[in-house]
Full PDB file with SEQRES, HELIX, SHEET, SSBOND, CRYST1, ORIGX, SCALE, CONECT and MASTER records, all heavy atoms in Angstrom:
SEQRES   1 A   43  LEU GLU ASP LYS ARG VAL ASN PHE SER MET GLN GLY THR          
SEQRES   2 A   43  SER VAL HIS VAL LEU ASP LEU GLU THR GLY LYS ARG ARG          
SEQRES   3 A   43  ALA SER THR LEU LYS ASP SER GLU ASN PHE CYS ARG LEU          
SEQRES   4 A   43  ALA ASP ALA LEU                                              
HELIX    1 AA1 LEU A   30  ALA A   42  1                                  13    
SHEET    1 AA1 2 HIS A  16  LEU A  18  0                                        
SHEET    2 AA1 2 ARG A  25  ALA A  27 -1                                        
CRYST1    1.000    1.000    1.000  90.00  90.00  90.00 P 1           1          
ORIGX1      1.000000  0.000000  0.000000        0.00000                         
ORIGX2      0.000000  1.000000  0.000000        0.00000                         
ORIGX3      0.000000  0.000000  1.000000        0.00000                         
SCALE1      1.000000  0.000000  0.000000        0.00000                         
SCALE2      0.000000  1.000000  0.000000        0.00000                         
SCALE3      0.000000  0.000000  1.000000        0.00000                         
ATOM      1  N   LEU A   1     -92.334  -3.381  44.000  1.00  0.00           N  
ATOM      2  CA  LEU A   1     -91.138  -2.589  44.461  1.00  0.00           C  
ATOM      3  C   LEU A   1     -91.590  -1.126  44.599  1.00  0.00           C  
ATOM      4  O   LEU A   1     -91.872  -0.441  43.709  1.00  0.00           O  
ATOM      5  CB  LEU A   1     -90.063  -2.660  43.327  1.00  0.00           C  
ATOM      6  CG  LEU A   1     -89.482  -4.144  43.138  1.00  0.00           C  
ATOM      7  CD1 LEU A   1     -88.625  -4.172  41.942  1.00  0.00           C  
ATOM      8  CD2 LEU A   1     -88.698  -4.602  44.374  1.00  0.00           C  
ATOM      9  N   GLU A   2     -91.746  -0.788  45.920  1.00  0.00           N  
ATOM     10  CA  GLU A   2     -92.092   0.578  46.166  1.00  0.00           C  
ATOM     11  C   GLU A   2     -91.798   0.978  47.606  1.00  0.00           C  
ATOM     12  O   GLU A   2     -91.702   0.088  48.484  1.00  0.00           O  
ATOM     13  CB  GLU A   2     -93.628   0.787  45.881  1.00  0.00           C  
ATOM     14  CG  GLU A   2     -94.382  -0.241  46.827  1.00  0.00           C  
ATOM     15  CD  GLU A   2     -95.909  -0.158  46.575  1.00  0.00           C  
ATOM     16  OE1 GLU A   2     -96.411   0.749  45.701  1.00  0.00           O  
ATOM     17  OE2 GLU A   2     -96.690  -0.841  47.194  1.00  0.00           O  
ATOM     18  N   ASP A   3     -91.714   2.202  47.879  1.00  0.00           N  
ATOM     19  CA  ASP A   3     -91.702   2.902  49.286  1.00  0.00           C  
ATOM     20  C   ASP A   3     -90.939   2.005  50.291  1.00  0.00           C  
ATOM     21  O   ASP A   3     -89.853   1.692  50.200  1.00  0.00           O  
ATOM     22  CB  ASP A   3     -93.089   3.255  49.606  1.00  0.00           C  
ATOM     23  CG  ASP A   3     -93.163   4.223  50.812  1.00  0.00           C  
ATOM     24  OD1 ASP A   3     -92.142   4.985  50.949  1.00  0.00           O  
ATOM     25  OD2 ASP A   3     -94.166   4.213  51.523  1.00  0.00           O  
ATOM     26  N   LYS A   4     -91.700   1.623  51.331  1.00  0.00           N  
ATOM     27  CA  LYS A   4     -91.110   0.896  52.525  1.00  0.00           C  
ATOM     28  C   LYS A   4     -91.257  -0.638  52.360  1.00  0.00           C  
ATOM     29  O   LYS A   4     -90.817  -1.337  53.310  1.00  0.00           O  
ATOM     30  CB  LYS A   4     -91.675   1.347  53.802  1.00  0.00           C  
ATOM     31  CG  LYS A   4     -91.528   2.888  54.095  1.00  0.00           C  
ATOM     32  CD  LYS A   4     -92.147   3.282  55.345  1.00  0.00           C  
ATOM     33  CE  LYS A   4     -91.967   4.737  55.611  1.00  0.00           C  
ATOM     34  NZ  LYS A   4     -92.548   5.198  56.870  1.00  0.00           N  
ATOM     35  N   ARG A   5     -91.725  -1.044  51.345  1.00  0.00           N  
ATOM     36  CA  ARG A   5     -91.776  -2.565  51.157  1.00  0.00           C  
ATOM     37  C   ARG A   5     -90.366  -3.198  50.985  1.00  0.00           C  
ATOM     38  O   ARG A   5     -89.589  -2.666  50.133  1.00  0.00           O  
ATOM     39  CB  ARG A   5     -92.607  -2.893  49.877  1.00  0.00           C  
ATOM     40  CG  ARG A   5     -93.025  -4.396  49.765  1.00  0.00           C  
ATOM     41  CD  ARG A   5     -93.820  -4.632  48.377  1.00  0.00           C  
ATOM     42  NE  ARG A   5     -95.048  -3.925  48.425  1.00  0.00           N  
ATOM     43  CZ  ARG A   5     -96.185  -4.461  48.786  1.00  0.00           C  
ATOM     44  NH1 ARG A   5     -96.243  -5.604  49.084  1.00  0.00           N  
ATOM     45  NH2 ARG A   5     -97.307  -3.724  48.718  1.00  0.00           N  
ATOM     46  N   VAL A   6     -90.060  -4.122  51.783  1.00  0.00           N  
ATOM     47  CA  VAL A   6     -88.679  -4.819  51.710  1.00  0.00           C  
ATOM     48  C   VAL A   6     -88.683  -6.115  51.047  1.00  0.00           C  
ATOM     49  O   VAL A   6     -89.552  -6.972  51.378  1.00  0.00           O  
ATOM     50  CB  VAL A   6     -88.134  -4.876  53.113  1.00  0.00           C  
ATOM     51  CG1 VAL A   6     -86.735  -5.586  52.993  1.00  0.00           C  
ATOM     52  CG2 VAL A   6     -88.022  -3.568  53.776  1.00  0.00           C  
ATOM     53  N   ASN A   7     -87.863  -6.309  50.023  1.00  0.00           N  
ATOM     54  CA  ASN A   7     -87.737  -7.679  49.353  1.00  0.00           C  
ATOM     55  C   ASN A   7     -86.219  -8.020  49.467  1.00  0.00           C  
ATOM     56  O   ASN A   7     -85.299  -7.241  49.442  1.00  0.00           O  
ATOM     57  CB  ASN A   7     -88.110  -7.606  47.943  1.00  0.00           C  
ATOM     58  CG  ASN A   7     -89.607  -7.026  47.787  1.00  0.00           C  
ATOM     59  OD1 ASN A   7     -90.487  -7.765  48.185  1.00  0.00           O  
ATOM     60  ND2 ASN A   7     -89.841  -5.843  47.223  1.00  0.00           N  
ATOM     61  N   PHE A   8     -85.999  -9.385  49.399  1.00  0.00           N  
ATOM     62  CA  PHE A   8     -84.694  -9.863  49.328  1.00  0.00           C  
ATOM     63  C   PHE A   8     -84.422 -10.598  48.064  1.00  0.00           C  
ATOM     64  O   PHE A   8     -85.235 -11.378  47.549  1.00  0.00           O  
ATOM     65  CB  PHE A   8     -84.434 -10.786  50.584  1.00  0.00           C  
ATOM     66  CG  PHE A   8     -84.415 -10.087  51.880  1.00  0.00           C  
ATOM     67  CD1 PHE A   8     -85.608 -10.033  52.633  1.00  0.00           C  
ATOM     68  CD2 PHE A   8     -83.359  -9.507  52.329  1.00  0.00           C  
ATOM     69  CE1 PHE A   8     -85.683  -9.318  53.848  1.00  0.00           C  
ATOM     70  CE2 PHE A   8     -83.353  -8.765  53.571  1.00  0.00           C  
ATOM     71  CZ  PHE A   8     -84.457  -8.724  54.295  1.00  0.00           C  
ATOM     72  N   SER A   9     -83.157 -10.499  47.642  1.00  0.00           N  
ATOM     73  CA  SER A   9     -82.718 -10.923  46.306  1.00  0.00           C  
ATOM     74  C   SER A   9     -81.556 -11.917  46.469  1.00  0.00           C  
ATOM     75  O   SER A   9     -80.667 -11.738  47.454  1.00  0.00           O  
ATOM     76  CB  SER A   9     -82.364  -9.924  45.330  1.00  0.00           C  
ATOM     77  OG  SER A   9     -81.768 -10.366  44.259  1.00  0.00           O  
ATOM     78  N   MET A  10     -81.337 -12.818  45.530  1.00  0.00           N  
ATOM     79  CA  MET A  10     -80.019 -13.577  45.371  1.00  0.00           C  
ATOM     80  C   MET A  10     -78.900 -12.484  44.903  1.00  0.00           C  
ATOM     81  O   MET A  10     -79.285 -11.440  44.401  1.00  0.00           O  
ATOM     82  CB  MET A  10     -80.144 -14.613  44.405  1.00  0.00           C  
ATOM     83  CG  MET A  10     -81.208 -15.765  44.668  1.00  0.00           C  
ATOM     84  SD  MET A  10     -80.736 -16.849  45.785  1.00  0.00           S  
ATOM     85  CE  MET A  10     -79.997 -18.171  44.787  1.00  0.00           C  
ATOM     86  N   GLN A  11     -77.817 -12.827  45.200  1.00  0.00           N  
ATOM     87  CA  GLN A  11     -76.599 -11.988  44.738  1.00  0.00           C  
ATOM     88  C   GLN A  11     -76.336 -12.393  43.315  1.00  0.00           C  
ATOM     89  O   GLN A  11     -76.959 -13.276  42.793  1.00  0.00           O  
ATOM     90  CB  GLN A  11     -75.418 -12.066  45.661  1.00  0.00           C  
ATOM     91  CG  GLN A  11     -74.863 -13.355  45.719  1.00  0.00           C  
ATOM     92  CD  GLN A  11     -73.614 -13.566  44.895  1.00  0.00           C  
ATOM     93  OE1 GLN A  11     -72.649 -12.742  45.052  1.00  0.00           O  
ATOM     94  NE2 GLN A  11     -73.482 -14.583  44.050  1.00  0.00           N  
ATOM     95  N   GLY A  12     -75.298 -11.824  42.691  1.00  0.00           N  
ATOM     96  CA  GLY A  12     -75.054 -12.235  41.249  1.00  0.00           C  
ATOM     97  C   GLY A  12     -73.574 -12.119  40.881  1.00  0.00           C  
ATOM     98  O   GLY A  12     -72.713 -11.613  41.570  1.00  0.00           O  
ATOM     99  N   THR A  13     -73.357 -12.876  39.792  1.00  0.00           N  
ATOM    100  CA  THR A  13     -72.084 -12.701  38.970  1.00  0.00           C  
ATOM    101  C   THR A  13     -70.814 -13.391  39.668  1.00  0.00           C  
ATOM    102  O   THR A  13     -69.739 -13.147  39.314  1.00  0.00           O  
ATOM    103  CB  THR A  13     -71.750 -11.266  38.523  1.00  0.00           C  
ATOM    104  OG1 THR A  13     -71.371 -10.552  39.746  1.00  0.00           O  
ATOM    105  CG2 THR A  13     -72.873 -10.632  37.819  1.00  0.00           C  
ATOM    106  N   SER A  14     -71.013 -14.336  40.575  1.00  0.00           N  
ATOM    107  CA  SER A  14     -69.882 -15.003  41.045  1.00  0.00           C  
ATOM    108  C   SER A  14     -69.315 -15.952  39.997  1.00  0.00           C  
ATOM    109  O   SER A  14     -70.061 -16.518  39.134  1.00  0.00           O  
ATOM    110  CB  SER A  14     -70.245 -15.982  42.224  1.00  0.00           C  
ATOM    111  OG  SER A  14     -70.618 -15.056  43.396  1.00  0.00           O  
ATOM    112  N   VAL A  15     -68.000 -16.157  39.964  1.00  0.00           N  
ATOM    113  CA  VAL A  15     -67.337 -16.962  38.952  1.00  0.00           C  
ATOM    114  C   VAL A  15     -66.828 -18.304  39.506  1.00  0.00           C  
ATOM    115  O   VAL A  15     -66.222 -19.100  38.787  1.00  0.00           O  
ATOM    116  CB  VAL A  15     -66.312 -16.183  38.167  1.00  0.00           C  
ATOM    117  CG1 VAL A  15     -66.959 -15.037  37.392  1.00  0.00           C  
ATOM    118  CG2 VAL A  15     -65.227 -15.715  39.236  1.00  0.00           C  
ATOM    119  N   HIS A  16     -66.919 -18.452  40.814  1.00  0.00           N  
ATOM    120  CA  HIS A  16     -66.585 -19.776  41.509  1.00  0.00           C  
ATOM    121  C   HIS A  16     -67.592 -20.207  42.353  1.00  0.00           C  
ATOM    122  O   HIS A  16     -68.408 -19.428  42.946  1.00  0.00           O  
ATOM    123  CB  HIS A  16     -65.202 -19.555  42.278  1.00  0.00           C  
ATOM    124  CG  HIS A  16     -64.047 -19.269  41.409  1.00  0.00           C  
ATOM    125  ND1 HIS A  16     -63.622 -17.967  41.131  1.00  0.00           N  
ATOM    126  CD2 HIS A  16     -63.158 -20.146  40.680  1.00  0.00           C  
ATOM    127  CE1 HIS A  16     -62.476 -18.089  40.348  1.00  0.00           C  
ATOM    128  NE2 HIS A  16     -62.306 -19.383  40.017  1.00  0.00           N  
ATOM    129  N   VAL A  17     -67.626 -21.475  42.609  1.00  0.00           N  
ATOM    130  CA  VAL A  17     -68.573 -22.090  43.726  1.00  0.00           C  
ATOM    131  C   VAL A  17     -67.681 -22.983  44.611  1.00  0.00           C  
ATOM    132  O   VAL A  17     -66.501 -23.371  44.148  1.00  0.00           O  
ATOM    133  CB  VAL A  17     -69.760 -22.897  43.168  1.00  0.00           C  
ATOM    134  CG1 VAL A  17     -70.592 -22.008  42.312  1.00  0.00           C  
ATOM    135  CG2 VAL A  17     -69.228 -24.059  42.379  1.00  0.00           C  
ATOM    136  N   LEU A  18     -68.154 -23.146  45.789  1.00  0.00           N  
ATOM    137  CA  LEU A  18     -67.560 -24.210  46.705  1.00  0.00           C  
ATOM    138  C   LEU A  18     -68.256 -25.543  46.451  1.00  0.00           C  
ATOM    139  O   LEU A  18     -69.493 -25.622  46.821  1.00  0.00           O  
ATOM    140  CB  LEU A  18     -67.678 -23.725  48.158  1.00  0.00           C  
ATOM    141  CG  LEU A  18     -66.911 -24.671  49.136  1.00  0.00           C  
ATOM    142  CD1 LEU A  18     -65.422 -24.809  48.963  1.00  0.00           C  
ATOM    143  CD2 LEU A  18     -67.232 -24.176  50.599  1.00  0.00           C  
ATOM    144  N   ASP A  19     -67.652 -26.413  45.853  1.00  0.00           N  
ATOM    145  CA  ASP A  19     -68.268 -27.695  45.530  1.00  0.00           C  
ATOM    146  C   ASP A  19     -68.546 -28.502  46.834  1.00  0.00           C  
ATOM    147  O   ASP A  19     -67.673 -28.729  47.588  1.00  0.00           O  
ATOM    148  CB  ASP A  19     -67.419 -28.520  44.607  1.00  0.00           C  
ATOM    149  CG  ASP A  19     -68.147 -29.749  43.944  1.00  0.00           C  
ATOM    150  OD1 ASP A  19     -68.509 -30.582  44.756  1.00  0.00           O  
ATOM    151  OD2 ASP A  19     -68.305 -29.785  42.688  1.00  0.00           O  
ATOM    152  N   LEU A  20     -69.848 -28.886  46.990  1.00  0.00           N  
ATOM    153  CA  LEU A  20     -70.233 -29.515  48.222  1.00  0.00           C  
ATOM    154  C   LEU A  20     -69.784 -30.984  48.291  1.00  0.00           C  
ATOM    155  O   LEU A  20     -69.677 -31.556  49.400  1.00  0.00           O  
ATOM    156  CB  LEU A  20     -71.768 -29.485  48.438  1.00  0.00           C  
ATOM    157  CG  LEU A  20     -72.371 -28.077  48.636  1.00  0.00           C  
ATOM    158  CD1 LEU A  20     -73.928 -28.226  48.719  1.00  0.00           C  
ATOM    159  CD2 LEU A  20     -71.772 -27.439  49.773  1.00  0.00           C  
ATOM    160  N   GLU A  21     -69.484 -31.549  47.155  1.00  0.00           N  
ATOM    161  CA  GLU A  21     -69.047 -33.049  47.181  1.00  0.00           C  
ATOM    162  C   GLU A  21     -67.521 -33.068  47.377  1.00  0.00           C  
ATOM    163  O   GLU A  21     -67.048 -33.942  48.140  1.00  0.00           O  
ATOM    164  CB  GLU A  21     -69.419 -33.643  45.851  1.00  0.00           C  
ATOM    165  CG  GLU A  21     -70.887 -33.767  45.707  1.00  0.00           C  
ATOM    166  CD  GLU A  21     -71.184 -34.442  44.326  1.00  0.00           C  
ATOM    167  OE1 GLU A  21     -70.310 -34.934  43.614  1.00  0.00           O  
ATOM    168  OE2 GLU A  21     -72.460 -34.554  43.976  1.00  0.00           O  
ATOM    169  N   THR A  22     -66.745 -32.191  46.805  1.00  0.00           N  
ATOM    170  CA  THR A  22     -65.303 -32.256  46.952  1.00  0.00           C  
ATOM    171  C   THR A  22     -64.731 -31.329  48.041  1.00  0.00           C  
ATOM    172  O   THR A  22     -63.621 -31.440  48.502  1.00  0.00           O  
ATOM    173  CB  THR A  22     -64.599 -31.788  45.492  1.00  0.00           C  
ATOM    174  OG1 THR A  22     -64.886 -30.476  45.284  1.00  0.00           O  
ATOM    175  CG2 THR A  22     -65.161 -32.802  44.490  1.00  0.00           C  
ATOM    176  N   GLY A  23     -65.550 -30.256  48.413  1.00  0.00           N  
ATOM    177  CA  GLY A  23     -65.070 -29.313  49.279  1.00  0.00           C  
ATOM    178  C   GLY A  23     -64.108 -28.331  48.764  1.00  0.00           C  
ATOM    179  O   GLY A  23     -63.537 -27.565  49.447  1.00  0.00           O  
ATOM    180  N   LYS A  24     -63.954 -28.353  47.559  1.00  0.00           N  
ATOM    181  CA  LYS A  24     -62.976 -27.455  46.789  1.00  0.00           C  
ATOM    182  C   LYS A  24     -63.598 -26.361  45.948  1.00  0.00           C  
ATOM    183  O   LYS A  24     -64.701 -26.563  45.478  1.00  0.00           O  
ATOM    184  CB  LYS A  24     -62.022 -28.195  45.929  1.00  0.00           C  
ATOM    185  CG  LYS A  24     -61.151 -29.271  46.777  1.00  0.00           C  
ATOM    186  CD  LYS A  24     -60.283 -30.013  45.822  1.00  0.00           C  
ATOM    187  CE  LYS A  24     -59.351 -31.033  46.559  1.00  0.00           C  
ATOM    188  NZ  LYS A  24     -58.404 -31.793  45.651  1.00  0.00           N  
ATOM    189  N   ARG A  25     -62.934 -25.288  45.813  1.00  0.00           N  
ATOM    190  CA  ARG A  25     -63.450 -24.181  44.992  1.00  0.00           C  
ATOM    191  C   ARG A  25     -63.243 -24.687  43.420  1.00  0.00           C  
ATOM    192  O   ARG A  25     -62.106 -25.105  43.078  1.00  0.00           O  
ATOM    193  CB  ARG A  25     -62.735 -22.956  45.142  1.00  0.00           C  
ATOM    194  CG  ARG A  25     -63.425 -21.684  44.526  1.00  0.00           C  
ATOM    195  CD  ARG A  25     -62.576 -20.434  44.745  1.00  0.00           C  
ATOM    196  NE  ARG A  25     -61.444 -20.385  43.990  1.00  0.00           N  
ATOM    197  CZ  ARG A  25     -60.746 -19.192  43.636  1.00  0.00           C  
ATOM    198  NH1 ARG A  25     -61.230 -18.015  44.172  1.00  0.00           N  
ATOM    199  NH2 ARG A  25     -59.629 -19.235  42.891  1.00  0.00           N  
ATOM    200  N   ARG A  26     -64.208 -24.325  42.612  1.00  0.00           N  
ATOM    201  CA  ARG A  26     -64.068 -24.606  41.194  1.00  0.00           C  
ATOM    202  C   ARG A  26     -64.897 -23.569  40.397  1.00  0.00           C  
ATOM    203  O   ARG A  26     -65.550 -22.789  40.891  1.00  0.00           O  
ATOM    204  CB  ARG A  26     -64.661 -26.009  40.885  1.00  0.00           C  
ATOM    205  CG  ARG A  26     -66.039 -26.299  41.253  1.00  0.00           C  
ATOM    206  CD  ARG A  26     -66.726 -27.434  40.529  1.00  0.00           C  
ATOM    207  NE  ARG A  26     -68.043 -27.841  41.050  1.00  0.00           N  
ATOM    208  CZ  ARG A  26     -69.067 -27.120  40.742  1.00  0.00           C  
ATOM    209  NH1 ARG A  26     -69.128 -26.170  39.822  1.00  0.00           N  
ATOM    210  NH2 ARG A  26     -70.357 -27.409  41.169  1.00  0.00           N  
ATOM    211  N   ALA A  27     -64.620 -23.535  39.073  1.00  0.00           N  
ATOM    212  CA  ALA A  27     -65.361 -22.662  38.193  1.00  0.00           C  
ATOM    213  C   ALA A  27     -66.792 -22.932  38.194  1.00  0.00           C  
ATOM    214  O   ALA A  27     -67.242 -24.099  38.212  1.00  0.00           O  
ATOM    215  CB  ALA A  27     -64.727 -22.692  36.751  1.00  0.00           C  
ATOM    216  N   SER A  28     -67.668 -21.892  38.199  1.00  0.00           N  
ATOM    217  CA  SER A  28     -69.099 -22.174  38.174  1.00  0.00           C  
ATOM    218  C   SER A  28     -69.539 -22.573  36.869  1.00  0.00           C  
ATOM    219  O   SER A  28     -69.054 -22.294  35.740  1.00  0.00           O  
ATOM    220  CB  SER A  28     -69.840 -20.847  38.636  1.00  0.00           C  
ATOM    221  OG  SER A  28     -69.355 -19.744  37.859  1.00  0.00           O  
ATOM    222  N   THR A  29     -70.667 -23.411  36.825  1.00  0.00           N  
ATOM    223  CA  THR A  29     -71.170 -23.953  35.568  1.00  0.00           C  
ATOM    224  C   THR A  29     -72.745 -23.619  35.392  1.00  0.00           C  
ATOM    225  O   THR A  29     -73.347 -23.011  36.310  1.00  0.00           O  
ATOM    226  CB  THR A  29     -71.090 -25.433  35.701  1.00  0.00           C  
ATOM    227  OG1 THR A  29     -71.953 -25.937  36.692  1.00  0.00           O  
ATOM    228  CG2 THR A  29     -69.681 -25.811  35.927  1.00  0.00           C  
ATOM    229  N   LEU A  30     -73.229 -23.960  34.233  1.00  0.00           N  
ATOM    230  CA  LEU A  30     -74.674 -23.704  34.002  1.00  0.00           C  
ATOM    231  C   LEU A  30     -75.526 -24.603  34.941  1.00  0.00           C  
ATOM    232  O   LEU A  30     -76.617 -24.095  35.421  1.00  0.00           O  
ATOM    233  CB  LEU A  30     -74.963 -24.119  32.479  1.00  0.00           C  
ATOM    234  CG  LEU A  30     -76.395 -23.908  32.028  1.00  0.00           C  
ATOM    235  CD1 LEU A  30     -76.815 -22.466  32.117  1.00  0.00           C  
ATOM    236  CD2 LEU A  30     -76.641 -24.468  30.652  1.00  0.00           C  
ATOM    237  N   LYS A  31     -75.083 -25.755  35.286  1.00  0.00           N  
ATOM    238  CA  LYS A  31     -75.875 -26.560  36.288  1.00  0.00           C  
ATOM    239  C   LYS A  31     -75.892 -25.853  37.562  1.00  0.00           C  
ATOM    240  O   LYS A  31     -77.039 -25.954  38.212  1.00  0.00           O  
ATOM    241  CB  LYS A  31     -75.145 -27.921  36.430  1.00  0.00           C  
ATOM    242  CG  LYS A  31     -75.860 -28.863  37.250  1.00  0.00           C  
ATOM    243  CD  LYS A  31     -77.169 -29.270  36.648  1.00  0.00           C  
ATOM    244  CE  LYS A  31     -77.982 -30.262  37.417  1.00  0.00           C  
ATOM    245  NZ  LYS A  31     -79.325 -30.682  36.905  1.00  0.00           N  
ATOM    246  N   ASP A  32     -74.841 -25.143  37.963  1.00  0.00           N  
ATOM    247  CA  ASP A  32     -74.927 -24.358  39.287  1.00  0.00           C  
ATOM    248  C   ASP A  32     -75.988 -23.260  39.146  1.00  0.00           C  
ATOM    249  O   ASP A  32     -76.650 -23.106  40.079  1.00  0.00           O  
ATOM    250  CB  ASP A  32     -73.558 -23.767  39.579  1.00  0.00           C  
ATOM    251  CG  ASP A  32     -72.475 -24.779  39.806  1.00  0.00           C  
ATOM    252  OD1 ASP A  32     -72.818 -25.698  40.485  1.00  0.00           O  
ATOM    253  OD2 ASP A  32     -71.336 -24.564  39.358  1.00  0.00           O  
ATOM    254  N   SER A  33     -76.029 -22.574  38.039  1.00  0.00           N  
ATOM    255  CA  SER A  33     -77.065 -21.627  37.762  1.00  0.00           C  
ATOM    256  C   SER A  33     -78.363 -22.204  37.942  1.00  0.00           C  
ATOM    257  O   SER A  33     -79.341 -21.523  38.568  1.00  0.00           O  
ATOM    258  CB  SER A  33     -76.763 -20.955  36.414  1.00  0.00           C  
ATOM    259  OG  SER A  33     -77.720 -19.866  36.272  1.00  0.00           O  
ATOM    260  N   GLU A  34     -78.610 -23.310  37.265  1.00  0.00           N  
ATOM    261  CA  GLU A  34     -79.956 -23.970  37.428  1.00  0.00           C  
ATOM    262  C   GLU A  34     -80.337 -24.374  38.844  1.00  0.00           C  
ATOM    263  O   GLU A  34     -81.413 -24.126  39.333  1.00  0.00           O  
ATOM    264  CB  GLU A  34     -79.992 -25.274  36.513  1.00  0.00           C  
ATOM    265  CG  GLU A  34     -79.788 -24.952  35.050  1.00  0.00           C  
ATOM    266  CD  GLU A  34     -79.642 -26.235  34.317  1.00  0.00           C  
ATOM    267  OE1 GLU A  34     -79.326 -27.332  34.966  1.00  0.00           O  
ATOM    268  OE2 GLU A  34     -79.683 -26.243  33.052  1.00  0.00           O  
ATOM    269  N   ASN A  35     -79.236 -24.878  39.644  1.00  0.00           N  
ATOM    270  CA  ASN A  35     -79.588 -25.232  41.024  1.00  0.00           C  
ATOM    271  C   ASN A  35     -79.813 -24.024  41.914  1.00  0.00           C  
ATOM    272  O   ASN A  35     -80.754 -24.121  42.787  1.00  0.00           O  
ATOM    273  CB  ASN A  35     -78.393 -26.044  41.485  1.00  0.00           C  
ATOM    274  CG  ASN A  35     -78.270 -27.478  40.915  1.00  0.00           C  
ATOM    275  OD1 ASN A  35     -79.301 -27.949  40.479  1.00  0.00           O  
ATOM    276  ND2 ASN A  35     -77.065 -28.053  40.945  1.00  0.00           N  
ATOM    277  N   PHE A  36     -79.166 -23.035  41.613  1.00  0.00           N  
ATOM    278  CA  PHE A  36     -79.289 -21.854  42.413  1.00  0.00           C  
ATOM    279  C   PHE A  36     -80.717 -21.222  42.196  1.00  0.00           C  
ATOM    280  O   PHE A  36     -81.408 -20.666  43.109  1.00  0.00           O  
ATOM    281  CB  PHE A  36     -78.273 -20.735  42.236  1.00  0.00           C  
ATOM    282  CG  PHE A  36     -77.036 -20.980  43.012  1.00  0.00           C  
ATOM    283  CD1 PHE A  36     -75.869 -21.190  42.438  1.00  0.00           C  
ATOM    284  CD2 PHE A  36     -77.146 -20.903  44.457  1.00  0.00           C  
ATOM    285  CE1 PHE A  36     -74.692 -21.341  43.201  1.00  0.00           C  
ATOM    286  CE2 PHE A  36     -75.884 -21.145  45.169  1.00  0.00           C  
ATOM    287  CZ  PHE A  36     -74.730 -21.324  44.587  1.00  0.00           C  
ATOM    288  N   CYS A  37     -81.258 -21.292  40.997  1.00  0.00           N  
ATOM    289  CA  CYS A  37     -82.540 -20.822  40.652  1.00  0.00           C  
ATOM    290  C   CYS A  37     -83.564 -21.736  41.321  1.00  0.00           C  
ATOM    291  O   CYS A  37     -84.608 -21.218  41.910  1.00  0.00           O  
ATOM    292  CB  CYS A  37     -82.883 -20.810  39.096  1.00  0.00           C  
ATOM    293  SG  CYS A  37     -82.029 -19.565  38.215  1.00  0.00           S  
ATOM    294  N   ARG A  38     -83.352 -22.960  41.379  1.00  0.00           N  
ATOM    295  CA  ARG A  38     -84.226 -23.880  42.037  1.00  0.00           C  
ATOM    296  C   ARG A  38     -84.229 -23.587  43.527  1.00  0.00           C  
ATOM    297  O   ARG A  38     -85.283 -23.654  44.223  1.00  0.00           O  
ATOM    298  CB  ARG A  38     -83.879 -25.438  41.742  1.00  0.00           C  
ATOM    299  CG  ARG A  38     -84.171 -25.757  40.294  1.00  0.00           C  
ATOM    300  CD  ARG A  38     -83.504 -27.112  40.012  1.00  0.00           C  
ATOM    301  NE  ARG A  38     -84.121 -28.176  40.777  1.00  0.00           N  
ATOM    302  CZ  ARG A  38     -83.574 -29.415  40.942  1.00  0.00           C  
ATOM    303  NH1 ARG A  38     -82.462 -29.688  40.398  1.00  0.00           N  
ATOM    304  NH2 ARG A  38     -84.293 -30.292  41.765  1.00  0.00           N  
ATOM    305  N   LEU A  39     -83.075 -23.246  44.134  1.00  0.00           N  
ATOM    306  CA  LEU A  39     -82.896 -23.009  45.556  1.00  0.00           C  
ATOM    307  C   LEU A  39     -83.767 -21.697  45.845  1.00  0.00           C  
ATOM    308  O   LEU A  39     -84.501 -21.642  46.817  1.00  0.00           O  
ATOM    309  CB  LEU A  39     -81.587 -22.799  45.847  1.00  0.00           C  
ATOM    310  CG  LEU A  39     -81.184 -22.426  47.339  1.00  0.00           C  
ATOM    311  CD1 LEU A  39     -81.659 -23.529  48.293  1.00  0.00           C  
ATOM    312  CD2 LEU A  39     -79.723 -22.216  47.491  1.00  0.00           C  
ATOM    313  N   ALA A  40     -83.489 -20.668  44.991  1.00  0.00           N  
ATOM    314  CA  ALA A  40     -84.235 -19.404  45.250  1.00  0.00           C  
ATOM    315  C   ALA A  40     -85.801 -19.659  45.113  1.00  0.00           C  
ATOM    316  O   ALA A  40     -86.585 -19.076  45.880  1.00  0.00           O  
ATOM    317  CB  ALA A  40     -83.913 -18.395  44.166  1.00  0.00           C  
ATOM    318  N   ASP A  41     -86.216 -20.521  44.245  1.00  0.00           N  
ATOM    319  CA  ASP A  41     -87.516 -20.862  44.014  1.00  0.00           C  
ATOM    320  C   ASP A  41     -88.330 -21.394  45.359  1.00  0.00           C  
ATOM    321  O   ASP A  41     -89.357 -21.162  45.630  1.00  0.00           O  
ATOM    322  CB  ASP A  41     -87.868 -21.790  42.921  1.00  0.00           C  
ATOM    323  CG  ASP A  41     -89.270 -21.696  42.262  1.00  0.00           C  
ATOM    324  OD1 ASP A  41     -89.691 -20.690  41.794  1.00  0.00           O  
ATOM    325  OD2 ASP A  41     -89.944 -22.814  42.566  1.00  0.00           O  
ATOM    326  N   ALA A  42     -87.414 -22.080  46.015  1.00  0.00           N  
ATOM    327  CA  ALA A  42     -87.894 -22.898  47.226  1.00  0.00           C  
ATOM    328  C   ALA A  42     -87.856 -22.062  48.557  1.00  0.00           C  
ATOM    329  O   ALA A  42     -88.542 -22.403  49.473  1.00  0.00           O  
ATOM    330  CB  ALA A  42     -87.023 -24.194  47.404  1.00  0.00           C  
ATOM    331  N   LEU A  43     -87.073 -21.027  48.490  1.00  0.00           N  
ATOM    332  CA  LEU A  43     -86.763 -20.298  49.809  1.00  0.00           C  
ATOM    333  C   LEU A  43     -87.846 -19.097  49.888  1.00  0.00           C  
ATOM    334  O   LEU A  43     -87.910 -18.185  49.052  1.00  0.00           O  
ATOM    335  CB  LEU A  43     -85.443 -19.666  49.801  1.00  0.00           C  
ATOM    336  CG  LEU A  43     -84.291 -20.685  49.863  1.00  0.00           C  
ATOM    337  CD1 LEU A  43     -82.827 -20.022  49.711  1.00  0.00           C  
ATOM    338  CD2 LEU A  43     -84.320 -21.583  51.125  1.00  0.00           C  
TER     339      LEU A  43                                                      
MASTER        0    0    0    1    2    0    0    6  338    1    0    4          
END                                                                             
């Protein structure tokens, strides 16, 4: 992290997710946190 070097980050602290199976909004869970970390790792 320095000068003109550009990096991109995940955002943070959301308290809801849009469930891909039901299509409905629900409270976020630890499993969601794990999945988002795995997603970030792959991108």
